[in-house]
PDB file of N, CA and C in Angstrom:
ATOM      1  N   MET A   1     -80.145  77.470 -19.586  1.00  0.00           N
ATOM      2  CA  MET A   1     -80.293  78.243 -20.795  1.00  0.00           C
ATOM      3  C   MET A   1     -79.115  79.206 -20.874  1.00  0.00           C
ATOM      4  N   PHE A   2     -78.632  79.430 -22.081  1.00  0.00           N
ATOM      5  CA  PHE A   2     -77.550  80.371 -22.284  1.00  0.00           C
ATOM      6  C   PHE A   2     -77.670  80.960 -23.681  1.00  0.00           C
ATOM      7  N   SER A   3     -77.005  82.062 -23.882  1.00  0.00           N
ATOM      8  CA  SER A   3     -77.043  82.762 -25.157  1.00  0.00           C
ATOM      9  C   SER A   3     -75.708  82.566 -25.867  1.00  0.00           C
ATOM     10  N   VAL A   4     -75.759  82.306 -27.159  1.00  0.00           N
ATOM     11  CA  VAL A   4     -74.562  82.037 -27.945  1.00  0.00           C
ATOM     12  C   VAL A   4     -74.413  83.126 -28.997  1.00  0.00           C
ATOM     13  N   SER A   5     -73.256  83.767 -29.018  1.00  0.00           N
ATOM     14  CA  SER A   5     -73.010  84.801 -30.024  1.00  0.00           C
ATOM     15  C   SER A   5     -72.702  84.152 -31.371  1.00  0.00           C
ATOM     16  N   GLN A   6     -72.723  84.945 -32.419  1.00  0.00           N
ATOM     17  CA  GLN A   6     -72.404  84.417 -33.742  1.00  0.00           C
ATOM     18  C   GLN A   6     -70.960  83.931 -33.803  1.00  0.00           C
ATOM     19  N   ASP A   7     -70.049  84.625 -33.132  1.00  0.00           N
ATOM     20  CA  ASP A   7     -68.645  84.211 -33.118  1.00  0.00           C
ATOM     21  C   ASP A   7     -68.467  82.877 -32.399  1.00  0.00           C
ATOM     22  N   GLU A   8     -69.150  82.710 -31.262  1.00  0.00           N
ATOM     23  CA  GLU A   8     -69.078  81.450 -30.523  1.00  0.00           C
ATOM     24  C   GLU A   8     -69.666  80.308 -31.359  1.00  0.00           C
ATOM     25  N   ALA A   9     -70.808  80.571 -31.978  1.00  0.00           N
ATOM     26  CA  ALA A   9     -71.443  79.545 -32.815  1.00  0.00           C
ATOM     27  C   ALA A   9     -70.538  79.170 -33.979  1.00  0.00           C
ATOM     28  N   ALA A  10     -69.893  80.160 -34.596  1.00  0.00           N
ATOM     29  CA  ALA A  10     -68.994  79.883 -35.719  1.00  0.00           C
ATOM     30  C   ALA A  10     -67.818  79.016 -35.277  1.00  0.00           C
ATOM     31  N   ALA A  11     -67.265  79.293 -34.111  1.00  0.00           N
ATOM     32  CA  ALA A  11     -66.138  78.493 -33.597  1.00  0.00           C
ATOM     33  C   ALA A  11     -66.577  77.061 -33.324  1.00  0.00           C
ATOM     34  N   ILE A  12     -67.753  76.890 -32.755  1.00  0.00           N
ATOM     35  CA  ILE A  12     -68.272  75.550 -32.458  1.00  0.00           C
ATOM     36  C   ILE A  12     -68.566  74.796 -33.755  1.00  0.00           C
ATOM     37  N   GLN A  13     -69.173  75.470 -34.721  1.00  0.00           N
ATOM     38  CA  GLN A  13     -69.464  74.839 -36.000  1.00  0.00           C
ATOM     39  C   GLN A  13     -68.182  74.453 -36.732  1.00  0.00           C
ATOM     40  N   LYS A  14     -67.180  75.307 -36.676  1.00  0.00           N
ATOM     41  CA  LYS A  14     -65.898  75.017 -37.322  1.00  0.00           C
ATOM     42  C   LYS A  14     -65.257  73.773 -36.701  1.00  0.00           C
ATOM     43  N   ALA A  15     -65.232  73.712 -35.370  1.00  0.00           N
ATOM     44  CA  ALA A  15     -64.666  72.552 -34.687  1.00  0.00           C
ATOM     45  C   ALA A  15     -65.420  71.284 -35.082  1.00  0.00           C
ATOM     46  N   PHE A  16     -66.737  71.372 -35.173  1.00  0.00           N
ATOM     47  CA  PHE A  16     -67.554  70.220 -35.552  1.00  0.00           C
ATOM     48  C   PHE A  16     -67.198  69.735 -36.950  1.00  0.00           C
ATOM     49  N   HIS A  17     -67.138  70.646 -37.902  1.00  0.00           N
ATOM     50  CA  HIS A  17     -66.903  70.257 -39.293  1.00  0.00           C
ATOM     51  C   HIS A  17     -65.467  69.803 -39.535  1.00  0.00           C
ATOM     52  N   GLU A  18     -64.534  70.316 -38.763  1.00  0.00           N
ATOM     53  CA  GLU A  18     -63.138  69.929 -38.954  1.00  0.00           C
ATOM     54  C   GLU A  18     -62.762  68.664 -38.182  1.00  0.00           C
ATOM     55  N   SER A  19     -63.356  68.485 -36.984  1.00  0.00           N
ATOM     56  CA  SER A  19     -62.880  67.401 -36.117  1.00  0.00           C
ATOM     57  C   SER A  19     -63.967  66.553 -35.469  1.00  0.00           C
ATOM     58  N   GLY A  20     -65.229  66.886 -35.687  1.00  0.00           N
ATOM     59  CA  GLY A  20     -66.299  66.051 -35.166  1.00  0.00           C
ATOM     60  C   GLY A  20     -66.989  66.599 -33.916  1.00  0.00           C
ATOM     61  N   GLU A  21     -67.953  65.800 -33.440  1.00  0.00           N
ATOM     62  CA  GLU A  21     -68.818  66.222 -32.334  1.00  0.00           C
ATOM     63  C   GLU A  21     -68.058  66.510 -31.051  1.00  0.00           C
ATOM     64  N   TRP A  22     -67.122  65.623 -30.679  1.00  0.00           N
ATOM     65  CA  TRP A  22     -66.464  65.792 -29.383  1.00  0.00           C
ATOM     66  C   TRP A  22     -65.501  66.974 -29.389  1.00  0.00           C
ATOM     67  N   ALA A  23     -64.921  67.297 -30.526  1.00  0.00           N
ATOM     68  CA  ALA A  23     -64.108  68.513 -30.620  1.00  0.00           C
ATOM     69  C   ALA A  23     -64.996  69.741 -30.458  1.00  0.00           C
ATOM     70  N   ALA A  24     -66.198  69.675 -31.009  1.00  0.00           N
ATOM     71  CA  ALA A  24     -67.139  70.780 -30.863  1.00  0.00           C
ATOM     72  C   ALA A  24     -67.610  70.907 -29.415  1.00  0.00           C
ATOM     73  N   VAL A  25     -67.769  69.776 -28.725  1.00  0.00           N
ATOM     74  CA  VAL A  25     -68.116  69.819 -27.299  1.00  0.00           C
ATOM     75  C   VAL A  25     -66.997  70.508 -26.520  1.00  0.00           C
ATOM     76  N   ALA A  26     -65.748  70.181 -26.839  1.00  0.00           N
ATOM     77  CA  ALA A  26     -64.614  70.823 -26.172  1.00  0.00           C
ATOM     78  C   ALA A  26     -64.617  72.330 -26.438  1.00  0.00           C
ATOM     79  N   GLU A  27     -64.925  72.714 -27.669  1.00  0.00           N
ATOM     80  CA  GLU A  27     -64.999  74.146 -28.011  1.00  0.00           C
ATOM     81  C   GLU A  27     -66.140  74.811 -27.254  1.00  0.00           C
ATOM     82  N   LEU A  28     -67.275  74.152 -27.166  1.00  0.00           N
ATOM     83  CA  LEU A  28     -68.406  74.682 -26.412  1.00  0.00           C
ATOM     84  C   LEU A  28     -68.004  74.936 -24.965  1.00  0.00           C
ATOM     85  N   ARG A  29     -67.279  73.987 -24.398  1.00  0.00           N
ATOM     86  CA  ARG A  29     -66.863  74.107 -22.999  1.00  0.00           C
ATOM     87  C   ARG A  29     -65.811  75.193 -22.797  1.00  0.00           C
ATOM     88  N   ARG A  30     -65.121  75.601 -23.847  1.00  0.00           N
ATOM     89  CA  ARG A  30     -64.205  76.734 -23.731  1.00  0.00           C
ATOM     90  C   ARG A  30     -64.987  78.024 -23.458  1.00  0.00           C
ATOM     91  N   HIS A  31     -66.220  78.067 -23.942  1.00  0.00           N
ATOM     92  CA  HIS A  31     -67.038  79.276 -23.823  1.00  0.00           C
ATOM     93  C   HIS A  31     -68.064  79.204 -22.696  1.00  0.00           C
ATOM     94  N   PHE A  32     -68.517  78.001 -22.375  1.00  0.00           N
ATOM     95  CA  PHE A  32     -69.591  77.827 -21.396  1.00  0.00           C
ATOM     96  C   PHE A  32     -69.236  76.700 -20.437  1.00  0.00           C
ATOM     97  N   HIS A  33     -69.657  76.821 -19.212  1.00  0.00           N
ATOM     98  CA  HIS A  33     -69.383  75.794 -18.200  1.00  0.00           C
ATOM     99  C   HIS A  33     -70.511  74.772 -18.168  1.00  0.00           C
ATOM    100  N   ILE A  34     -70.485  73.866 -19.119  1.00  0.00           N
ATOM    101  CA  ILE A  34     -71.456  72.772 -19.180  1.00  0.00           C
ATOM    102  C   ILE A  34     -70.676  71.491 -18.916  1.00  0.00           C
ATOM    103  N   GLN A  35     -70.948  70.852 -17.804  1.00  0.00           N
ATOM    104  CA  GLN A  35     -70.194  69.668 -17.422  1.00  0.00           C
ATOM    105  C   GLN A  35     -70.844  68.367 -17.877  1.00  0.00           C
ATOM    106  N   ASP A  36     -72.145  68.374 -18.047  1.00  0.00           N
ATOM    107  CA  ASP A  36     -72.882  67.170 -18.421  1.00  0.00           C
ATOM    108  C   ASP A  36     -72.678  66.880 -19.913  1.00  0.00           C
ATOM    109  N   ASN A  37     -72.137  65.694 -20.228  1.00  0.00           N
ATOM    110  CA  ASN A  37     -71.869  65.333 -21.623  1.00  0.00           C
ATOM    111  C   ASN A  37     -73.121  65.331 -22.487  1.00  0.00           C
ATOM    112  N   VAL A  38     -74.219  64.833 -21.950  1.00  0.00           N
ATOM    113  CA  VAL A  38     -75.459  64.759 -22.729  1.00  0.00           C
ATOM    114  C   VAL A  38     -75.946  66.155 -23.091  1.00  0.00           C
ATOM    115  N   ASN A  39     -75.970  67.066 -22.125  1.00  0.00           N
ATOM    116  CA  ASN A  39     -76.418  68.436 -22.404  1.00  0.00           C
ATOM    117  C   ASN A  39     -75.462  69.159 -23.344  1.00  0.00           C
ATOM    118  N   ALA A  40     -74.172  68.965 -23.164  1.00  0.00           N
ATOM    119  CA  ALA A  40     -73.187  69.614 -24.033  1.00  0.00           C
ATOM    120  C   ALA A  40     -73.323  69.110 -25.468  1.00  0.00           C
ATOM    121  N   LEU A  41     -73.476  67.811 -25.635  1.00  0.00           N
ATOM    122  CA  LEU A  41     -73.620  67.241 -26.974  1.00  0.00           C
ATOM    123  C   LEU A  41     -74.916  67.707 -27.635  1.00  0.00           C
ATOM    124  N   ASN A  42     -75.997  67.769 -26.874  1.00  0.00           N
ATOM    125  CA  ASN A  42     -77.266  68.277 -27.422  1.00  0.00           C
ATOM    126  C   ASN A  42     -77.140  69.743 -27.832  1.00  0.00           C
ATOM    127  N   ALA A  43     -76.443  70.537 -27.041  1.00  0.00           N
ATOM    128  CA  ALA A  43     -76.241  71.950 -27.382  1.00  0.00           C
ATOM    129  C   ALA A  43     -75.428  72.066 -28.667  1.00  0.00           C
ATOM    130  N   VAL A  44     -74.365  71.277 -28.782  1.00  0.00           N
ATOM    131  CA  VAL A  44     -73.537  71.300 -30.001  1.00  0.00           C
ATOM    132  C   VAL A  44     -74.376  70.935 -31.211  1.00  0.00           C
ATOM    133  N   ARG A  45     -75.152  69.885 -31.103  1.00  0.00           N
ATOM    134  CA  ARG A  45     -75.976  69.455 -32.239  1.00  0.00           C
ATOM    135  C   ARG A  45     -76.975  70.537 -32.646  1.00  0.00           C
ATOM    136  N   SER A  46     -77.510  71.258 -31.683  1.00  0.00           N
ATOM    137  CA  SER A  46     -78.435  72.353 -31.996  1.00  0.00           C
ATOM    138  C   SER A  46     -77.711  73.500 -32.685  1.00  0.00           C
ATOM    139  N   ILE A  47     -76.551  73.865 -32.167  1.00  0.00           N
ATOM    140  CA  ILE A  47     -75.786  74.981 -32.732  1.00  0.00           C
ATOM    141  C   ILE A  47     -75.328  74.657 -34.149  1.00  0.00           C
ATOM    142  N   VAL A  48     -74.929  73.423 -34.396  1.00  0.00           N
ATOM    143  CA  VAL A  48     -74.453  73.036 -35.726  1.00  0.00           C
ATOM    144  C   VAL A  48     -75.572  73.122 -36.759  1.00  0.00           C
ATOM    145  N   ARG A  49     -76.800  72.887 -36.343  1.00  0.00           N
ATOM    146  CA  ARG A  49     -77.935  72.948 -37.285  1.00  0.00           C
ATOM    147  C   ARG A  49     -78.320  74.370 -37.658  1.00  0.00           C
ATOM    148  N   TRP A  50     -77.871  75.351 -36.876  1.00  0.00           N
ATOM    149  CA  TRP A  50     -78.234  76.733 -37.192  1.00  0.00           C
ATOM    150  C   TRP A  50     -77.669  77.122 -38.538  1.00  0.00           C
ATOM    151  N   ALA A  51     -78.476  77.803 -39.311  1.00  0.00           N
ATOM    152  CA  ALA A  51     -78.021  78.301 -40.610  1.00  0.00           C
ATOM    153  C   ALA A  51     -77.441  79.697 -40.429  1.00  0.00           C
ATOM    154  N   GLN A  52     -76.454  79.990 -41.231  1.00  0.00           N
ATOM    155  CA  GLN A  52     -75.900  81.334 -41.221  1.00  0.00           C
ATOM    156  C   GLN A  52     -76.908  82.277 -41.874  1.00  0.00           C
ATOM    157  N   PRO A  53     -77.086  83.479 -41.324  1.00  0.00           N
ATOM    158  CA  PRO A  53     -78.017  84.409 -41.951  1.00  0.00           C
ATOM    159  C   PRO A  53     -77.542  84.766 -43.361  1.00  0.00           C
ATOM    160  N   GLN A  54     -78.469  84.819 -44.273  1.00  0.00           N
ATOM    161  CA  GLN A  54     -78.114  85.148 -45.647  1.00  0.00           C
ATOM    162  C   GLN A  54     -77.859  86.641 -45.774  1.00  0.00           C
ATOM    163  N   GLN A  55     -76.867  86.982 -46.572  1.00  0.00           N
ATOM    164  CA  GLN A  55     -76.574  88.377 -46.844  1.00  0.00           C
ATOM    165  C   GLN A  55     -77.592  88.893 -47.864  1.00  0.00           C
ATOM    166  N   PRO A  56     -78.094  90.105 -47.645  1.00  0.00           N
ATOM    167  CA  PRO A  56     -79.052  90.641 -48.621  1.00  0.00           C
ATOM    168  C   PRO A  56     -78.385  90.808 -49.984  1.00  0.00           C
ATOM    169  N   THR A  57     -79.124  90.457 -51.026  1.00  0.00           N
ATOM    170  CA  THR A  57     -78.589  90.610 -52.373  1.00  0.00           C
ATOM    171  C   THR A  57     -78.868  92.030 -52.853  1.00  0.00           C
ATOM    172  N   PRO A  58     -77.881  92.642 -53.517  1.00  0.00           N
ATOM    173  CA  PRO A  58     -78.108  94.002 -54.017  1.00  0.00           C
ATOM    174  C   PRO A  58     -79.177  94.013 -55.099  1.00  0.00           C
ATOM    175  N   ALA A  59     -79.954  95.044 -55.098  1.00  0.00           N
ATOM    176  CA  ALA A  59     -81.007  95.184 -56.110  1.00  0.00           C
ATOM    177  C   ALA A  59     -80.356  95.464 -57.460  1.00  0.00           C
ATOM    178  N   SER A  60     -80.873  94.816 -58.489  1.00  0.00           N
ATOM    179  CA  SER A  60     -80.339  95.049 -59.825  1.00  0.00           C
ATOM    180  C   SER A  60     -80.937  96.342 -60.402  1.00  0.00           C
ATOM    181  N   PRO A  61     -80.105  97.087 -61.128  1.00  0.00           N
ATOM    182  CA  PRO A  61     -80.608  98.348 -61.706  1.00  0.00           C
ATOM    183  C   PRO A  61     -81.708  98.080 -62.721  1.00  0.00           C
ATOM    184  N   ALA A  62     -82.681  98.944 -62.743  1.00  0.00           N
ATOM    185  CA  ALA A  62     -83.815  98.762 -63.655  1.00  0.00           C
ATOM    186  C   ALA A  62     -83.594  99.405 -64.978  1.00  0.00           C
TER     187      ALA A  62
END
């Protein structure tokens, strides 16, 4: 188990969307020491599915 910051997740997601799963695995390994391909790929797939938190919308004046 490990904790992923928003910056790390953003870098992994960017690598995935620009170059695919294995580029995202390489990016994941830049941040974490995961040697097993299956576990690294599963972690990437989980991180890519995370949604970015929505920014609160300003209240409209009444």
